[in-house]
Amino acid sequence: MKSIEHIKNALKDLDQEVEGILLNISLSLQDKDNIMLPLLQQKRVLKQTLEDLEYLRDNPPTPNQPCGISKYR
């Protein structure tokens, strides 16, 4: 699935961006927190999406049946 690869790339990009912010010594801790909060929220959503897509890839739903992803969570 191409979407899984795109999400993995987005997670790598977010990690690099967060690392860059952490290594920036010109920012105060408060500024770093304010900048990183939305990035970490995006990362959490992307991780959950990645887990869901990998589950669906490994356990495809049968035709005309609900996928059952809610049971997985």
PDB file of N, CA and C in Angstrom:
ATOM      1  N   MET A   1       0.845  -1.190   0.000  1.00  0.00           N
ATOM      2  CA  MET A   1       0.000   0.000   0.000  1.00  0.00           C
ATOM      3  C   MET A   1       0.887   1.248   0.000  1.00  0.00           C
ATOM      4  N   LYS A   2       0.617   2.084  -0.939  1.00  0.00           N
ATOM      5  CA  LYS A   2       1.383   3.329  -1.047  1.00  0.00           C
ATOM      6  C   LYS A   2       1.145   4.248   0.148  1.00  0.00           C
ATOM      7  N   SER A   3      -0.070   4.238   0.690  1.00  0.00           N
ATOM      8  CA  SER A   3      -0.380   5.145   1.795  1.00  0.00           C
ATOM      9  C   SER A   3       0.470   4.844   3.027  1.00  0.00           C
ATOM     10  N   ILE A   4       0.799   3.574   3.250  1.00  0.00           N
ATOM     11  CA  ILE A   4       1.640   3.215   4.391  1.00  0.00           C
ATOM     12  C   ILE A   4       3.027   3.829   4.229  1.00  0.00           C
ATOM     13  N   GLU A   5       3.570   3.775   3.036  1.00  0.00           N
ATOM     14  CA  GLU A   5       4.891   4.368   2.787  1.00  0.00           C
ATOM     15  C   GLU A   5       4.854   5.888   2.960  1.00  0.00           C
ATOM     16  N   HIS A   6       3.779   6.521   2.503  1.00  0.00           N
ATOM     17  CA  HIS A   6       3.659   7.975   2.667  1.00  0.00           C
ATOM     18  C   HIS A   6       3.591   8.353   4.145  1.00  0.00           C
ATOM     19  N   ILE A   7       2.875   7.581   4.925  1.00  0.00           N
ATOM     20  CA  ILE A   7       2.764   7.870   6.355  1.00  0.00           C
ATOM     21  C   ILE A   7       4.113   7.663   7.039  1.00  0.00           C
ATOM     22  N   LYS A   8       4.828   6.603   6.680  1.00  0.00           N
ATOM     23  CA  LYS A   8       6.157   6.369   7.259  1.00  0.00           C
ATOM     24  C   LYS A   8       7.100   7.522   6.925  1.00  0.00           C
ATOM     25  N   ASN A   9       7.029   8.016   5.694  1.00  0.00           N
ATOM     26  CA  ASN A   9       7.865   9.166   5.315  1.00  0.00           C
ATOM     27  C   ASN A   9       7.475  10.413   6.088  1.00  0.00           C
ATOM     28  N   ALA A  10       6.187  10.623   6.283  1.00  0.00           N
ATOM     29  CA  ALA A  10       5.729  11.784   7.053  1.00  0.00           C
ATOM     30  C   ALA A  10       6.193  11.683   8.505  1.00  0.00           C
ATOM     31  N   LEU A  11       6.184  10.490   9.064  1.00  0.00           N
ATOM     32  CA  LEU A  11       6.669  10.301  10.436  1.00  0.00           C
ATOM     33  C   LEU A  11       8.165  10.602  10.535  1.00  0.00           C
ATOM     34  N   LYS A  12       8.942  10.177   9.540  1.00  0.00           N
ATOM     35  CA  LYS A  12      10.375  10.484   9.525  1.00  0.00           C
ATOM     36  C   LYS A  12      10.594  11.994   9.462  1.00  0.00           C
ATOM     37  N   ASP A  13       9.826  12.673   8.600  1.00  0.00           N
ATOM     38  CA  ASP A  13       9.947  14.125   8.475  1.00  0.00           C
ATOM     39  C   ASP A  13       9.611  14.821   9.781  1.00  0.00           C
ATOM     40  N   LEU A  14       8.555  14.368  10.452  1.00  0.00           N
ATOM     41  CA  LEU A  14       8.189  14.963  11.736  1.00  0.00           C
ATOM     42  C   LEU A  14       9.273  14.734  12.779  1.00  0.00           C
ATOM     43  N   ASP A  15       9.852  13.546  12.802  1.00  0.00           N
ATOM     44  CA  ASP A  15      10.936  13.264  13.744  1.00  0.00           C
ATOM     45  C   ASP A  15      12.118  14.199  13.516  1.00  0.00           C
ATOM     46  N   GLN A  16      12.459  14.419  12.249  1.00  0.00           N
ATOM     47  CA  GLN A  16      13.568  15.314  11.933  1.00  0.00           C
ATOM     48  C   GLN A  16      13.258  16.751  12.343  1.00  0.00           C
ATOM     49  N   GLU A  17      12.017  17.158  12.138  1.00  0.00           N
ATOM     50  CA  GLU A  17      11.632  18.516  12.507  1.00  0.00           C
ATOM     51  C   GLU A  17      11.668  18.702  14.022  1.00  0.00           C
ATOM     52  N   VAL A  18      11.178  17.716  14.760  1.00  0.00           N
ATOM     53  CA  VAL A  18      11.203  17.792  16.224  1.00  0.00           C
ATOM     54  C   VAL A  18      12.643  17.799  16.718  1.00  0.00           C
ATOM     55  N   GLU A  19      13.490  16.968  16.125  1.00  0.00           N
ATOM     56  CA  GLU A  19      14.895  16.927  16.524  1.00  0.00           C
ATOM     57  C   GLU A  19      15.572  18.271  16.280  1.00  0.00           C
ATOM     58  N   GLY A  20      15.262  18.887  15.158  1.00  0.00           N
ATOM     59  CA  GLY A  20      15.813  20.205  14.854  1.00  0.00           C
ATOM     60  C   GLY A  20      15.382  21.251  15.868  1.00  0.00           C
ATOM     61  N   ILE A  21      14.140  21.174  16.299  1.00  0.00           N
ATOM     62  CA  ILE A  21      13.649  22.120  17.299  1.00  0.00           C
ATOM     63  C   ILE A  21      14.346  21.881  18.632  1.00  0.00           C
ATOM     64  N   LEU A  22      14.497  20.617  19.011  1.00  0.00           N
ATOM     65  CA  LEU A  22      15.161  20.299  20.279  1.00  0.00           C
ATOM     66  C   LEU A  22      16.615  20.765  20.301  1.00  0.00           C
ATOM     67  N   LEU A  23      17.286  20.681  19.172  1.00  0.00           N
ATOM     68  CA  LEU A  23      18.697  21.060  19.108  1.00  0.00           C
ATOM     69  C   LEU A  23      18.907  22.561  18.942  1.00  0.00           C
ATOM     70  N   ASN A  24      17.846  23.304  18.706  1.00  0.00           N
ATOM     71  CA  ASN A  24      17.940  24.757  18.526  1.00  0.00           C
ATOM     72  C   ASN A  24      18.111  25.404  19.896  1.00  0.00           C
ATOM     73  N   ILE A  25      19.333  25.854  20.190  1.00  0.00           N
ATOM     74  CA  ILE A  25      19.598  26.417  21.519  1.00  0.00           C
ATOM     75  C   ILE A  25      19.108  27.860  21.664  1.00  0.00           C
ATOM     76  N   SER A  26      18.698  28.478  20.588  1.00  0.00           N
ATOM     77  CA  SER A  26      18.227  29.858  20.673  1.00  0.00           C
ATOM     78  C   SER A  26      16.774  29.946  21.151  1.00  0.00           C
ATOM     79  N   LEU A  27      16.079  28.804  21.225  1.00  0.00           N
ATOM     80  CA  LEU A  27      14.687  28.797  21.679  1.00  0.00           C
ATOM     81  C   LEU A  27      14.616  28.433  23.161  1.00  0.00           C
ATOM     82  N   SER A  28      13.712  29.082  23.868  1.00  0.00           N
ATOM     83  CA  SER A  28      13.492  28.719  25.264  1.00  0.00           C
ATOM     84  C   SER A  28      12.695  27.421  25.329  1.00  0.00           C
ATOM     85  N   LEU A  29      12.679  26.813  26.498  1.00  0.00           N
ATOM     86  CA  LEU A  29      11.923  25.570  26.659  1.00  0.00           C
ATOM     87  C   LEU A  29      10.435  25.789  26.399  1.00  0.00           C
ATOM     88  N   GLN A  30       9.918  26.917  26.812  1.00  0.00           N
ATOM     89  CA  GLN A  30       8.510  27.231  26.589  1.00  0.00           C
ATOM     90  C   GLN A  30       8.214  27.340  25.094  1.00  0.00           C
ATOM     91  N   ASP A  31       9.109  28.017  24.377  1.00  0.00           N
ATOM     92  CA  ASP A  31       8.928  28.142  22.926  1.00  0.00           C
ATOM     93  C   ASP A  31       8.987  26.783  22.242  1.00  0.00           C
ATOM     94  N   LYS A  32       9.923  25.947  22.671  1.00  0.00           N
ATOM     95  CA  LYS A  32      10.039  24.605  22.102  1.00  0.00           C
ATOM     96  C   LYS A  32       8.760  23.813  22.343  1.00  0.00           C
ATOM     97  N   ASP A  33       8.219  23.907  23.562  1.00  0.00           N
ATOM     98  CA  ASP A  33       6.973  23.208  23.874  1.00  0.00           C
ATOM     99  C   ASP A  33       5.833  23.678  22.983  1.00  0.00           C
ATOM    100  N   ASN A  34       5.723  24.985  22.815  1.00  0.00           N
ATOM    101  CA  ASN A  34       4.639  25.543  21.999  1.00  0.00           C
ATOM    102  C   ASN A  34       4.762  25.145  20.526  1.00  0.00           C
ATOM    103  N   ILE A  35       5.984  25.064  20.036  1.00  0.00           N
ATOM    104  CA  ILE A  35       6.191  24.699  18.636  1.00  0.00           C
ATOM    105  C   ILE A  35       5.972  23.203  18.428  1.00  0.00           C
ATOM    106  N   MET A  36       6.420  22.404  19.394  1.00  0.00           N
ATOM    107  CA  MET A  36       6.383  20.950  19.211  1.00  0.00           C
ATOM    108  C   MET A  36       5.022  20.324  19.499  1.00  0.00           C
ATOM    109  N   LEU A  37       4.183  20.953  20.282  1.00  0.00           N
ATOM    110  CA  LEU A  37       2.892  20.351  20.636  1.00  0.00           C
ATOM    111  C   LEU A  37       2.073  19.955  19.413  1.00  0.00           C
ATOM    112  N   PRO A  38       1.842  20.852  18.441  1.00  0.00           N
ATOM    113  CA  PRO A  38       1.057  20.422  17.266  1.00  0.00           C
ATOM    114  C   PRO A  38       1.773  19.338  16.451  1.00  0.00           C
ATOM    115  N   LEU A  39       3.100  19.382  16.423  1.00  0.00           N
ATOM    116  CA  LEU A  39       3.851  18.361  15.687  1.00  0.00           C
ATOM    117  C   LEU A  39       3.679  16.986  16.337  1.00  0.00           C
ATOM    118  N   LEU A  40       3.733  16.955  17.649  1.00  0.00           N
ATOM    119  CA  LEU A  40       3.579  15.680  18.355  1.00  0.00           C
ATOM    120  C   LEU A  40       2.147  15.158  18.263  1.00  0.00           C
ATOM    121  N   GLN A  41       1.181  16.058  18.198  1.00  0.00           N
ATOM    122  CA  GLN A  41      -0.206  15.633  17.992  1.00  0.00           C
ATOM    123  C   GLN A  41      -0.371  15.018  16.605  1.00  0.00           C
ATOM    124  N   GLN A  42       0.242  15.626  15.604  1.00  0.00           N
ATOM    125  CA  GLN A  42       0.204  15.070  14.248  1.00  0.00           C
ATOM    126  C   GLN A  42       0.856  13.694  14.222  1.00  0.00           C
ATOM    127  N   LYS A  43       1.965  13.568  14.945  1.00  0.00           N
ATOM    128  CA  LYS A  43       2.681  12.297  14.973  1.00  0.00           C
ATOM    129  C   LYS A  43       1.821  11.204  15.597  1.00  0.00           C
ATOM    130  N   ARG A  44       1.101  11.539  16.652  1.00  0.00           N
ATOM    131  CA  ARG A  44       0.232  10.553  17.308  1.00  0.00           C
ATOM    132  C   ARG A  44      -0.870  10.090  16.353  1.00  0.00           C
ATOM    133  N   VAL A  45      -1.461  11.011  15.624  1.00  0.00           N
ATOM    134  CA  VAL A  45      -2.515  10.663  14.659  1.00  0.00           C
ATOM    135  C   VAL A  45      -1.945   9.807  13.525  1.00  0.00           C
ATOM    136  N   LEU A  46      -0.767  10.184  13.033  1.00  0.00           N
ATOM    137  CA  LEU A  46      -0.153   9.407  11.954  1.00  0.00           C
ATOM    138  C   LEU A  46       0.208   7.994  12.406  1.00  0.00           C
ATOM    139  N   LYS A  47       0.694   7.873  13.644  1.00  0.00           N
ATOM    140  CA  LYS A  47       1.030   6.540  14.161  1.00  0.00           C
ATOM    141  C   LYS A  47      -0.212   5.658  14.249  1.00  0.00           C
ATOM    142  N   GLN A  48      -1.315   6.218  14.745  1.00  0.00           N
ATOM    143  CA  GLN A  48      -2.549   5.441  14.852  1.00  0.00           C
ATOM    144  C   GLN A  48      -3.064   5.056  13.468  1.00  0.00           C
ATOM    145  N   THR A  49      -2.972   5.973  12.535  1.00  0.00           N
ATOM    146  CA  THR A  49      -3.400   5.687  11.164  1.00  0.00           C
ATOM    147  C   THR A  49      -2.540   4.579  10.558  1.00  0.00           C
ATOM    148  N   LEU A  50      -1.241   4.649  10.802  1.00  0.00           N
ATOM    149  CA  LEU A  50      -0.333   3.626  10.302  1.00  0.00           C
ATOM    150  C   LEU A  50      -0.678   2.256  10.888  1.00  0.00           C
ATOM    151  N   GLU A  51      -0.933   2.214  12.190  1.00  0.00           N
ATOM    152  CA  GLU A  51      -1.316   0.952  12.825  1.00  0.00           C
ATOM    153  C   GLU A  51      -2.609   0.405  12.223  1.00  0.00           C
ATOM    154  N   ASP A  52      -3.578   1.277  12.012  1.00  0.00           N
ATOM    155  CA  ASP A  52      -4.856   0.851  11.442  1.00  0.00           C
ATOM    156  C   ASP A  52      -4.683   0.309  10.023  1.00  0.00           C
ATOM    157  N   LEU A  53      -3.900   1.008   9.201  1.00  0.00           N
ATOM    158  CA  LEU A  53      -3.681   0.561   7.827  1.00  0.00           C
ATOM    159  C   LEU A  53      -2.914  -0.757   7.779  1.00  0.00           C
ATOM    160  N   GLU A  54      -1.934  -0.906   8.657  1.00  0.00           N
ATOM    161  CA  GLU A  54      -1.189  -2.165   8.695  1.00  0.00           C
ATOM    162  C   GLU A  54      -2.083  -3.311   9.148  1.00  0.00           C
ATOM    163  N   TYR A  55      -2.966  -3.036  10.089  1.00  0.00           N
ATOM    164  CA  TYR A  55      -3.903  -4.067  10.528  1.00  0.00           C
ATOM    165  C   TYR A  55      -4.823  -4.481   9.375  1.00  0.00           C
ATOM    166  N   LEU A  56      -5.340  -3.495   8.656  1.00  0.00           N
ATOM    167  CA  LEU A  56      -6.227  -3.797   7.531  1.00  0.00           C
ATOM    168  C   LEU A  56      -5.489  -4.514   6.402  1.00  0.00           C
ATOM    169  N   ARG A  57      -4.225  -4.166   6.203  1.00  0.00           N
ATOM    170  CA  ARG A  57      -3.434  -4.853   5.184  1.00  0.00           C
ATOM    171  C   ARG A  57      -3.242  -6.334   5.571  1.00  0.00           C
ATOM    172  N   ASP A  58      -2.978  -6.571   6.849  1.00  0.00           N
ATOM    173  CA  ASP A  58      -2.726  -7.931   7.312  1.00  0.00           C
ATOM    174  C   ASP A  58      -4.000  -8.729   7.545  1.00  0.00           C
ATOM    175  N   ASN A  59      -5.124  -8.043   7.777  1.00  0.00           N
ATOM    176  CA  ASN A  59      -6.406  -8.696   8.046  1.00  0.00           C
ATOM    177  C   ASN A  59      -7.496  -8.068   7.197  1.00  0.00           C
ATOM    178  N   PRO A  60      -7.477  -8.286   5.902  1.00  0.00           N
ATOM    179  CA  PRO A  60      -8.474  -7.640   5.038  1.00  0.00           C
ATOM    180  C   PRO A  60      -9.883  -8.126   5.369  1.00  0.00           C
ATOM    181  N   PRO A  61     -10.846  -7.206   5.331  1.00  0.00           N
ATOM    182  CA  PRO A  61     -12.226  -7.611   5.619  1.00  0.00           C
ATOM    183  C   PRO A  61     -12.791  -8.480   4.487  1.00  0.00           C
ATOM    184  N   THR A  62     -13.705  -9.340   4.856  1.00  0.00           N
ATOM    185  CA  THR A  62     -14.377 -10.139   3.832  1.00  0.00           C
ATOM    186  C   THR A  62     -15.361  -9.250   3.093  1.00  0.00           C
ATOM    187  N   PRO A  63     -15.693  -9.559   1.860  1.00  0.00           N
ATOM    188  CA  PRO A  63     -16.630  -8.713   1.095  1.00  0.00           C
ATOM    189  C   PRO A  63     -17.987  -8.614   1.806  1.00  0.00           C
ATOM    190  N   ASN A  64     -18.547  -7.407   1.766  1.00  0.00           N
ATOM    191  CA  ASN A  64     -19.868  -7.116   2.336  1.00  0.00           C
ATOM    192  C   ASN A  64     -19.931  -7.314   3.846  1.00  0.00           C
ATOM    193  N   GLN A  65     -18.800  -7.206   4.524  1.00  0.00           N
ATOM    194  CA  GLN A  65     -18.746  -7.319   5.972  1.00  0.00           C
ATOM    195  C   GLN A  65     -18.020  -6.098   6.528  1.00  0.00           C
ATOM    196  N   PRO A  66     -18.395  -5.660   7.738  1.00  0.00           N
ATOM    197  CA  PRO A  66     -17.644  -4.562   8.334  1.00  0.00           C
ATOM    198  C   PRO A  66     -16.214  -5.009   8.610  1.00  0.00           C
ATOM    199  N   CYS A  67     -15.305  -4.079   8.597  1.00  0.00           N
ATOM    200  CA  CYS A  67     -13.882  -4.436   8.688  1.00  0.00           C
ATOM    201  C   CYS A  67     -13.490  -4.890  10.083  1.00  0.00           C
ATOM    202  N   GLY A  68     -14.178  -4.465  11.134  1.00  0.00           N
ATOM    203  CA  GLY A  68     -13.867  -4.911  12.476  1.00  0.00           C
ATOM    204  C   GLY A  68     -12.705  -4.180  13.109  1.00  0.00           C
ATOM    205  N   ILE A  69     -12.279  -3.062  12.544  1.00  0.00           N
ATOM    206  CA  ILE A  69     -11.147  -2.323  13.101  1.00  0.00           C
ATOM    207  C   ILE A  69     -11.466  -1.822  14.505  1.00  0.00           C
ATOM    208  N   SER A  70     -12.723  -1.545  14.789  1.00  0.00           N
ATOM    209  CA  SER A  70     -13.064  -1.057  16.131  1.00  0.00           C
ATOM    210  C   SER A  70     -12.811  -2.126  17.186  1.00  0.00           C
ATOM    211  N   LYS A  71     -12.874  -3.380  16.835  1.00  0.00           N
ATOM    212  CA  LYS A  71     -12.572  -4.450  17.774  1.00  0.00           C
ATOM    213  C   LYS A  71     -11.079  -4.497  18.061  1.00  0.00           C
ATOM    214  N   TYR A  72     -10.289  -4.135  17.070  1.00  0.00           N
ATOM    215  CA  TYR A  72      -8.834  -4.140  17.216  1.00  0.00           C
ATOM    216  C   TYR A  72      -8.386  -3.109  18.227  1.00  0.00           C
ATOM    217  N   ARG A  73      -9.006  -1.956  18.216  1.00  0.00           N
ATOM    218  CA  ARG A  73      -8.618  -0.872  19.123  1.00  0.00           C
ATOM    219  C   ARG A  73      -9.050  -1.245  20.478  1.00  0.00           C
TER     220      ARG A  73
END
